[in-house]
N, C-alpha and C. Protein backbone atom coordinates (compact mmCIF):
# COMPACT_ATOMS: atom_id res chain seq x y z
N UNK A 1 16.35 -7.43 -9.45
CA UNK A 1 16.07 -8.41 -9.89
C UNK A 1 16.57 -9.08 -11.30
N UNK A 2 16.66 -10.66 -11.03
CA UNK A 2 17.76 -11.27 -12.35
C UNK A 2 17.06 -10.80 -13.72
N UNK A 3 17.77 -10.29 -14.60
CA UNK A 3 17.77 -10.26 -16.12
C UNK A 3 17.53 -11.17 -16.83
N UNK A 4 16.51 -11.40 -17.47
CA UNK A 4 16.30 -12.36 -18.68
C UNK A 4 17.05 -12.26 -19.61
N UNK A 5 18.07 -13.27 -20.14
CA UNK A 5 18.84 -12.70 -21.38
C UNK A 5 18.80 -14.08 -22.66
N UNK A 6 18.21 -13.49 -23.38
CA UNK A 6 17.66 -14.47 -24.63
C UNK A 6 19.01 -14.79 -25.27
N UNK A 7 19.55 -15.79 -25.61
CA UNK A 7 21.13 -16.12 -26.45
C UNK A 7 20.90 -17.12 -27.38
N UNK A 8 20.62 -16.61 -28.77
CA UNK A 8 20.42 -17.01 -29.60
C UNK A 8 21.90 -17.45 -30.98
N UNK A 9 21.62 -18.43 -31.71
CA UNK A 9 22.63 -18.54 -32.48
C UNK A 9 22.49 -18.40 -33.85
N UNK A 10 23.28 -17.99 -34.47
CA UNK A 10 23.16 -18.00 -35.99
C UNK A 10 24.19 -18.25 -36.47
N UNK A 11 24.07 -18.41 -37.62
CA UNK A 11 24.98 -19.06 -39.05
C UNK A 11 26.49 -18.16 -38.61
N UNK A 12 25.83 -16.98 -38.35
CA UNK A 12 26.97 -16.02 -38.32
C UNK A 12 27.63 -15.79 -37.17
N UNK A 13 27.04 -16.26 -35.76
CA UNK A 13 27.55 -15.93 -34.29
C UNK A 13 26.27 -16.29 -33.52
N UNK A 14 26.61 -15.39 -32.71
CA UNK A 14 25.51 -15.61 -31.39
C UNK A 14 24.66 -14.41 -31.19
N UNK A 15 23.60 -13.90 -30.96
CA UNK A 15 22.87 -12.77 -30.60
C UNK A 15 22.67 -13.11 -28.87
N UNK A 16 22.63 -11.99 -27.97
CA UNK A 16 22.24 -12.02 -26.59
C UNK A 16 21.26 -10.93 -26.46
N UNK A 17 20.49 -11.05 -26.17
CA UNK A 17 19.13 -9.88 -25.95
C UNK A 17 18.53 -9.97 -24.67
N UNK A 18 18.47 -8.57 -24.42
CA UNK A 18 17.80 -7.86 -22.98
C UNK A 18 17.44 -6.94 -22.58
N UNK A 19 16.62 -6.69 -22.09
CA UNK A 19 16.14 -5.32 -21.48
C UNK A 19 16.58 -4.80 -20.73
N UNK A 20 17.36 -3.27 -21.28
CA UNK A 20 18.11 -2.54 -20.28
C UNK A 20 17.15 -1.50 -19.60
N UNK A 21 17.75 -1.34 -18.27
CA UNK A 21 16.64 -0.36 -17.62
C UNK A 21 18.00 0.72 -16.94
N UNK A 22 17.81 1.67 -16.99
CA UNK A 22 18.68 2.19 -16.31
C UNK A 22 18.41 4.16 -15.20
N UNK A 23 19.13 4.43 -14.68
CA UNK A 23 18.66 5.47 -14.12
C UNK A 23 19.20 6.46 -14.96
N UNK A 24 18.09 7.27 -15.74
CA UNK A 24 18.84 8.56 -17.32
C UNK A 24 19.35 9.67 -16.12
N UNK A 25 20.25 10.45 -16.71
CA UNK A 25 20.90 11.64 -16.06
C UNK A 25 20.05 12.89 -16.07
N UNK A 26 18.93 12.66 -17.11
CA UNK A 26 17.95 13.99 -16.42
C UNK A 26 16.55 13.57 -15.46
N UNK A 27 17.07 12.07 -14.78
CA UNK A 27 16.03 12.09 -14.08
C UNK A 27 14.88 10.90 -14.45
N UNK A 28 14.74 9.46 -13.96
CA UNK A 28 13.88 8.55 -14.37
C UNK A 28 14.17 7.57 -14.54
N UNK A 29 13.38 6.72 -14.68
CA UNK A 29 14.01 5.14 -15.19
C UNK A 29 13.98 5.37 -16.58
N UNK A 30 15.04 4.61 -17.80
CA UNK A 30 14.79 4.89 -19.22
C UNK A 30 14.64 3.64 -19.72
N UNK A 31 14.71 2.76 -20.55
CA UNK A 31 14.67 1.84 -20.72
C UNK A 31 15.06 1.63 -22.24
N UNK A 32 15.37 0.50 -22.75
CA UNK A 32 15.86 -0.01 -24.25
C UNK A 32 15.93 -1.57 -24.45
N UNK A 33 15.94 -1.72 -25.50
CA UNK A 33 16.26 -3.07 -25.83
C UNK A 33 17.93 -3.06 -26.04
N UNK A 34 18.57 -3.93 -25.72
CA UNK A 34 20.07 -4.40 -25.81
C UNK A 34 20.42 -5.45 -26.71
N UNK A 35 20.97 -5.79 -27.70
CA UNK A 35 21.62 -6.79 -28.26
C UNK A 35 23.22 -6.89 -28.05
N UNK A 36 23.95 -7.87 -28.03
CA UNK A 36 25.56 -8.21 -28.25
C UNK A 36 25.24 -9.17 -29.31
N UNK A 37 26.08 -8.80 -30.16
CA UNK A 37 26.51 -9.64 -31.66
C UNK A 37 27.79 -9.88 -31.57
N UNK A 38 28.39 -11.36 -31.56
CA UNK A 38 29.52 -11.88 -31.40
C UNK A 38 29.59 -12.77 -32.41
N UNK A 39 30.57 -12.36 -33.97
CA UNK A 39 30.59 -13.18 -34.99
C UNK A 39 31.88 -13.44 -34.77
N UNK A 40 32.54 -14.93 -35.05
CA UNK A 40 33.60 -14.74 -35.46
C UNK A 40 34.43 -14.34 -36.29
N UNK A 41 33.30 -14.22 -37.09
CA UNK A 41 34.35 -13.37 -38.78
C UNK A 41 34.81 -11.71 -38.23
N UNK A 42 33.99 -11.30 -37.56
CA UNK A 42 34.42 -10.06 -37.28
C UNK A 42 34.88 -9.68 -35.97
N UNK A 43 36.02 -8.44 -36.02
CA UNK A 43 36.97 -8.18 -35.43
C UNK A 43 36.41 -7.71 -34.17
N UNK A 44 35.49 -7.23 -34.00
CA UNK A 44 34.87 -6.53 -32.56
C UNK A 44 32.99 -7.08 -32.71
N UNK A 45 32.92 -7.59 -31.13
CA UNK A 45 31.67 -7.56 -30.80
C UNK A 45 30.36 -6.43 -30.94
N UNK A 46 29.42 -5.95 -31.10
CA UNK A 46 28.89 -5.21 -31.69
C UNK A 46 27.82 -5.18 -30.70
N UNK A 47 27.37 -3.98 -29.89
CA UNK A 47 26.49 -3.93 -28.79
C UNK A 47 25.39 -3.20 -29.64
N UNK A 48 24.13 -3.41 -29.58
CA UNK A 48 22.78 -2.44 -30.22
C UNK A 48 22.19 -2.34 -29.32
N UNK A 49 22.07 -0.37 -29.06
CA UNK A 49 20.80 -0.22 -28.46
C UNK A 49 19.71 -0.02 -28.88
N UNK A 50 18.56 -0.35 -28.59
CA UNK A 50 17.49 0.24 -29.42
C UNK A 50 16.09 0.79 -28.55
N UNK A 51 16.08 2.05 -29.16
CA UNK A 51 15.06 3.00 -28.56
C UNK A 51 13.74 2.28 -28.52
N UNK A 52 13.26 2.27 -27.55
CA UNK A 52 11.30 1.64 -27.98
C UNK A 52 10.48 2.68 -27.14
N UNK A 53 9.79 2.52 -27.88
CA UNK A 53 8.27 3.21 -27.59
C UNK A 53 8.03 3.76 -26.44
N UNK A 54 8.27 2.64 -25.63
CA UNK A 54 7.72 2.66 -23.99
C UNK A 54 8.74 3.56 -23.20
N UNK A 55 9.57 4.23 -23.76
CA UNK A 55 10.69 4.95 -22.92
C UNK A 55 10.31 6.59 -23.34
N UNK A 56 10.44 7.11 -22.03
CA UNK A 56 9.42 8.32 -22.31
C UNK A 56 10.39 9.13 -22.59
N UNK A 57 9.81 9.93 -24.12
CA UNK A 57 11.08 11.05 -25.15
C UNK A 57 11.76 11.45 -24.40
N UNK A 58 11.71 12.03 -23.30
CA UNK A 58 12.89 13.18 -22.68
C UNK A 58 13.85 12.19 -22.38
N UNK A 59 13.89 11.10 -21.86
CA UNK A 59 14.59 10.24 -21.13
C UNK A 59 15.36 9.30 -22.59
N UNK A 60 15.39 9.83 -23.41
CA UNK A 60 16.22 8.72 -25.16
C UNK A 60 17.32 8.30 -24.57
N UNK A 61 17.69 7.32 -25.75
CA UNK A 61 19.14 7.19 -25.16
C UNK A 61 20.40 7.70 -25.99
N UNK A 62 20.00 8.32 -26.80
CA UNK A 62 20.78 9.12 -27.32
C UNK A 62 21.64 10.30 -26.68
N UNK A 63 20.73 10.63 -25.38
CA UNK A 63 21.35 12.09 -24.74
C UNK A 63 22.17 10.98 -23.52
N UNK A 64 21.53 9.83 -23.10
CA UNK A 64 22.43 9.33 -22.21
C UNK A 64 23.05 8.22 -22.55
N UNK A 65 23.64 8.17 -23.71
CA UNK A 65 23.94 6.52 -23.91
C UNK A 65 25.27 6.13 -23.13
N UNK A 66 26.56 6.92 -22.38
CA UNK A 66 27.35 6.05 -22.02
C UNK A 66 26.21 5.64 -20.55
N UNK A 67 25.68 5.68 -20.20
CA UNK A 67 24.88 5.16 -19.11
C UNK A 67 24.20 4.04 -19.37
N UNK A 68 23.21 4.14 -20.41
CA UNK A 68 22.63 3.05 -21.11
C UNK A 68 23.50 1.95 -21.71
N UNK A 69 24.67 2.26 -21.93
CA UNK A 69 26.04 1.23 -22.26
C UNK A 69 26.78 0.33 -21.03
N UNK A 70 26.72 1.20 -19.98
CA UNK A 70 26.96 0.76 -18.80
C UNK A 70 26.26 -0.36 -18.25
N UNK A 71 24.74 0.19 -18.45
CA UNK A 71 24.08 -0.71 -17.49
C UNK A 71 23.50 -2.17 -18.92
N UNK A 72 23.60 -1.98 -19.93
CA UNK A 72 23.63 -3.08 -20.63
C UNK A 72 25.36 -4.08 -20.66
N UNK A 73 26.22 -3.19 -20.53
CA UNK A 73 27.28 -4.21 -20.26
C UNK A 73 27.43 -5.08 -19.22
N UNK A 74 27.03 -4.42 -17.87
CA UNK A 74 26.51 -5.08 -16.98
C UNK A 74 25.57 -6.39 -16.78
N UNK A 75 24.72 -6.36 -17.80
CA UNK A 75 23.53 -7.54 -17.82
C UNK A 75 24.85 -8.52 -18.70
N UNK A 76 24.89 -8.02 -20.19
CA UNK A 76 25.70 -8.88 -21.25
C UNK A 76 26.70 -9.52 -21.26
N UNK A 77 27.82 -8.65 -20.50
CA UNK A 77 29.27 -9.16 -20.47
C UNK A 77 29.46 -10.21 -19.30
N UNK A 78 28.80 -10.27 -18.75
CA UNK A 78 28.82 -11.89 -18.07
C UNK A 78 28.88 -12.97 -18.99
N UNK A 79 27.45 -13.04 -19.81
CA UNK A 79 27.50 -14.03 -20.84
C UNK A 79 28.70 -14.62 -21.44
N UNK A 80 29.92 -13.35 -21.90
CA UNK A 80 30.59 -13.34 -22.78
C UNK A 80 31.83 -12.99 -22.28
N UNK A 81 32.29 -13.72 -21.43
CA UNK A 81 33.53 -13.27 -20.88
C UNK A 81 34.64 -12.52 -21.33
N UNK A 82 34.66 -13.81 -22.96
CA UNK A 82 36.23 -13.34 -23.53
C UNK A 82 35.58 -12.00 -24.72
N UNK A 83 34.57 -11.82 -24.59
CA UNK A 83 34.36 -10.01 -24.96
C UNK A 83 35.19 -8.46 -23.74
N UNK A 84 35.79 -7.79 -24.53
CA UNK A 84 36.53 -6.81 -23.93
C UNK A 84 35.34 -5.57 -24.34
N UNK A 85 35.47 -4.45 -23.51
CA UNK A 85 35.17 -3.07 -23.93
C UNK A 85 35.75 -2.64 -25.14
N UNK A 86 37.08 -3.04 -25.43
CA UNK A 86 37.93 -2.20 -25.96
C UNK A 86 37.58 -2.82 -27.59
N UNK A 87 37.19 -4.58 -27.54
CA UNK A 87 37.00 -5.15 -28.54
C UNK A 87 35.46 -4.77 -28.75
N UNK A 88 34.34 -3.79 -28.53
CA UNK A 88 32.92 -3.95 -29.10
C UNK A 88 32.97 -2.28 -29.67
N UNK A 89 31.86 -2.36 -30.60
CA UNK A 89 31.24 -1.36 -31.38
C UNK A 89 30.06 -1.04 -30.55
N UNK A 90 29.73 0.04 -30.63
CA UNK A 90 28.24 0.29 -29.96
C UNK A 90 27.33 1.06 -31.17
N UNK A 91 26.13 0.66 -31.26
CA UNK A 91 25.32 1.29 -32.13
C UNK A 91 24.10 2.29 -30.89
N UNK A 92 23.22 3.18 -31.66
CA UNK A 92 21.97 3.66 -31.61
C UNK A 92 21.41 3.11 -32.47
N UNK A 93 19.92 2.52 -32.05
CA UNK A 93 19.21 1.91 -33.17
C UNK A 93 17.85 2.49 -33.06
N UNK A 94 17.39 3.34 -33.92
CA UNK A 94 15.99 4.04 -33.93
C UNK A 94 15.31 3.58 -34.97
N UNK A 95 14.40 3.82 -35.14
CA UNK A 95 13.09 3.07 -35.84
C UNK A 95 11.50 3.31 -35.64
N UNK A 96 10.83 2.75 -36.48
CA UNK A 96 9.22 2.94 -35.86
C UNK A 96 8.63 2.08 -35.15
N UNK A 97 9.74 1.26 -34.08
CA UNK A 97 9.49 1.15 -32.99
C UNK A 97 9.78 1.80 -31.68
N UNK A 98 10.48 3.00 -32.39
CA UNK A 98 11.13 4.13 -31.07
C UNK A 98 9.84 5.01 -31.05
N UNK A 99 8.61 5.44 -31.50
CA UNK A 99 7.75 5.91 -30.99
C UNK A 99 6.57 5.47 -31.33
N UNK A 100 5.67 6.27 -30.83
CA UNK A 100 4.24 5.94 -30.74
C UNK A 100 3.50 6.51 -32.11
N UNK A 101 4.53 7.58 -32.48
CA UNK A 101 3.85 7.97 -34.20
C UNK A 101 5.00 7.88 -34.74
N UNK A 102 5.87 6.66 -35.22
CA UNK A 102 6.78 6.24 -36.24
C UNK A 102 6.92 7.26 -37.58
N UNK A 103 7.68 7.80 -37.93
CA UNK A 103 8.35 8.48 -38.74
C UNK A 103 9.83 7.73 -39.36
N UNK A 104 9.79 8.07 -40.98
CA UNK A 104 10.86 7.25 -41.38
C UNK A 104 11.54 5.85 -40.99
N UNK A 105 12.73 5.38 -41.81
CA UNK A 105 13.06 4.26 -41.78
C UNK A 105 13.84 3.74 -40.48
N UNK A 106 14.41 2.84 -40.11
CA UNK A 106 15.64 2.48 -39.40
C UNK A 106 16.95 3.03 -39.35
N UNK A 107 17.51 3.56 -38.08
CA UNK A 107 18.79 3.87 -38.52
C UNK A 107 19.35 3.43 -37.39
N UNK A 108 20.67 3.71 -37.54
CA UNK A 108 22.25 2.86 -36.89
C UNK A 108 23.10 4.07 -36.71
N UNK A 109 23.30 4.59 -35.15
CA UNK A 109 24.04 5.58 -34.96
C UNK A 109 25.40 5.03 -34.54
N UNK A 110 26.59 4.83 -35.00
CA UNK A 110 27.82 4.65 -34.50
C UNK A 110 28.16 5.41 -32.89
N UNK A 111 28.23 4.82 -32.45
CA UNK A 111 28.90 5.80 -31.06
C UNK A 111 30.04 5.17 -30.58
N UNK A 112 31.03 6.32 -30.16
CA UNK A 112 31.84 6.47 -29.52
C UNK A 112 32.39 6.32 -28.35
N UNK A 113 32.67 5.15 -27.14
CA UNK A 113 32.56 5.11 -26.22
C UNK A 113 34.43 4.95 -25.66
N UNK A 114 34.37 5.58 -24.39
CA UNK A 114 35.49 4.70 -23.86
C UNK A 114 35.35 3.83 -22.53
N UNK A 115 36.24 3.65 -21.70
CA UNK A 115 35.75 2.64 -20.87
C UNK A 115 36.63 2.73 -19.45
N UNK A 116 36.77 3.00 -18.64
CA UNK A 116 37.27 3.69 -17.28
C UNK A 116 37.61 2.00 -16.10
N UNK A 117 36.72 1.09 -16.94
CA UNK A 117 37.03 -0.20 -16.04
C UNK A 117 35.53 -0.50 -15.02
N UNK A 118 34.79 0.68 -14.98
CA UNK A 118 33.85 0.93 -14.33
C UNK A 118 32.58 1.35 -15.17
N UNK A 119 32.72 2.09 -15.63
CA UNK A 119 31.65 2.88 -16.68
C UNK A 119 32.40 3.05 -18.51
N UNK A 120 31.12 3.55 -18.96
CA UNK A 120 31.56 4.16 -20.09
C UNK A 120 30.96 5.80 -20.46
N UNK A 121 32.36 6.43 -20.94
CA UNK A 121 31.79 7.68 -21.33
C UNK A 121 32.14 8.28 -22.64
N UNK A 122 31.55 9.07 -23.02
CA UNK A 122 31.51 9.40 -24.17
C UNK A 122 30.50 11.00 -24.61
N UNK A 123 30.50 11.41 -25.34
CA UNK A 123 30.33 13.06 -25.83
C UNK A 123 29.24 12.78 -26.98
N UNK A 124 27.89 13.34 -27.29
CA UNK A 124 27.47 13.10 -28.44
C UNK A 124 28.29 13.49 -29.64
N UNK A 125 29.17 14.00 -29.94
CA UNK A 125 30.17 14.71 -30.89
C UNK A 125 30.96 13.39 -31.57
N UNK A 126 30.89 12.25 -30.49
CA UNK A 126 31.55 10.57 -30.52
C UNK A 126 29.80 9.89 -31.37
N UNK A 127 29.50 10.77 -31.64
CA UNK A 127 28.25 9.91 -32.49
C UNK A 127 28.02 10.12 -34.13
N UNK A 128 27.73 9.26 -35.10
CA UNK A 128 27.88 9.21 -36.59
C UNK A 128 26.87 8.12 -36.86
N UNK A 129 25.97 8.85 -37.42
CA UNK A 129 24.43 8.03 -38.09
C UNK A 129 25.15 7.35 -39.39
N UNK A 130 25.17 6.38 -39.72
CA UNK A 130 25.35 5.85 -40.79
C UNK A 130 24.74 6.00 -41.91
N UNK A 131 25.22 5.83 -43.07
CA UNK A 131 24.21 5.94 -44.21
C UNK A 131 23.19 4.80 -44.42
N UNK A 132 21.97 5.20 -44.91
CA UNK A 132 20.90 3.77 -44.62
C UNK A 132 21.17 2.64 -45.51
N UNK A 133 21.78 2.32 -46.91
CA UNK A 133 22.11 1.20 -47.29
C UNK A 133 23.60 0.58 -45.86
N UNK A 134 24.05 1.49 -44.99
CA UNK A 134 25.12 0.28 -44.63
C UNK A 134 24.58 0.32 -43.21
N UNK A 135 23.64 0.56 -42.38
CA UNK A 135 22.66 0.56 -41.62
C UNK A 135 21.89 -0.96 -41.87
N UNK A 136 21.28 -0.82 -43.30
CA UNK A 136 20.24 -1.89 -43.27
C UNK A 136 21.29 -3.19 -43.55
N UNK A 137 22.64 -2.87 -43.92
CA UNK A 137 23.65 -4.08 -44.30
C UNK A 137 24.26 -4.81 -43.08
N UNK A 138 24.49 -4.19 -42.11
CA UNK A 138 24.46 -4.22 -40.43
C UNK A 138 23.17 -5.41 -39.76
N UNK A 139 22.36 -4.79 -40.03
CA UNK A 139 21.13 -5.34 -39.62
C UNK A 139 20.59 -6.95 -39.96
N UNK A 140 20.88 -6.75 -41.45
CA UNK A 140 20.68 -7.83 -42.00
C UNK A 140 21.79 -8.83 -41.70
N UNK A 141 22.99 -8.16 -41.81
CA UNK A 141 24.34 -9.47 -41.02
C UNK A 141 24.32 -9.66 -39.81
N UNK A 142 23.76 -8.90 -38.77
CA UNK A 142 23.40 -9.51 -37.48
C UNK A 142 22.42 -10.10 -37.43
N UNK A 143 21.65 -10.65 -38.44
CA UNK A 143 20.50 -11.16 -38.11
C UNK A 143 19.62 -11.02 -36.97
N UNK A 144 19.20 -9.24 -36.80
CA UNK A 144 18.63 -9.07 -35.42
C UNK A 144 17.34 -9.25 -35.83
N UNK A 145 16.30 -9.74 -34.99
CA UNK A 145 14.97 -9.79 -35.72
C UNK A 145 14.20 -8.52 -34.86
N UNK A 146 12.98 -8.30 -35.53
CA UNK A 146 12.31 -7.19 -35.23
C UNK A 146 12.42 -6.86 -33.97
N UNK A 147 12.43 -5.50 -33.31
CA UNK A 147 12.28 -5.02 -31.91
C UNK A 147 11.18 -5.53 -31.47
N UNK A 148 9.94 -5.33 -31.96
CA UNK A 148 8.60 -5.81 -31.17
C UNK A 148 8.79 -7.30 -31.10
N UNK A 149 9.79 -8.15 -31.98
CA UNK A 149 9.33 -9.38 -31.91
C UNK A 149 10.54 -10.09 -30.87
N UNK A 150 11.49 -9.28 -30.44
CA UNK A 150 12.62 -9.37 -29.21
C UNK A 150 12.10 -9.59 -28.12
N UNK A 151 11.12 -7.92 -28.43
CA UNK A 151 10.85 -7.91 -26.60
C UNK A 151 9.47 -8.57 -26.21
N UNK A 152 8.63 -9.24 -26.69
CA UNK A 152 7.82 -10.13 -27.05
C UNK A 152 8.34 -11.55 -26.27
N UNK A 153 9.56 -11.63 -27.42
CA UNK A 153 10.06 -13.12 -26.55
C UNK A 153 10.48 -12.67 -24.91
N UNK A 154 10.98 -11.53 -24.86
CA UNK A 154 11.59 -11.38 -23.60
C UNK A 154 10.52 -11.52 -22.64
N UNK A 155 9.29 -10.97 -22.81
CA UNK A 155 8.17 -10.62 -21.99
C UNK A 155 7.87 -11.99 -21.73
N UNK A 156 7.83 -13.08 -22.51
CA UNK A 156 7.16 -14.55 -22.20
C UNK A 156 8.36 -15.38 -21.28
N UNK A 157 9.52 -15.16 -20.83
CA UNK A 157 10.69 -15.56 -20.43
C UNK A 157 10.08 -15.45 -18.48
């Protein structure tokens, strides 16, 4: 099935948004919101994968981030052929939209991945939770719309 991709232009660059599904390492289909942010002012593109409440708790993005990244890259990269995996920063995004029983503020975790030409690889030791002010600054700089708004727009395509 073809994936719907929202492509938005902001004063800071462009944001491509997609619903990402993949077969989780623990079995079962997992889902998240994926956004590729490209800014001429930034040295690298950023991919933000947001955990959403409809994803089963046991199939979260943090425990299988490389597979989620591989699925997101397969959808988003064709829309930005000039972007390479080596020039991409990866982030796991969590917040009130991630759970049916939300607690705490939005967080961003920077994830270190390698790419073998086919798929991404990484370990939990390559995850670094950003301080709250830095996370808020990045989200604001990227001009990411709220997760529920992005998911609603994708549903209407």
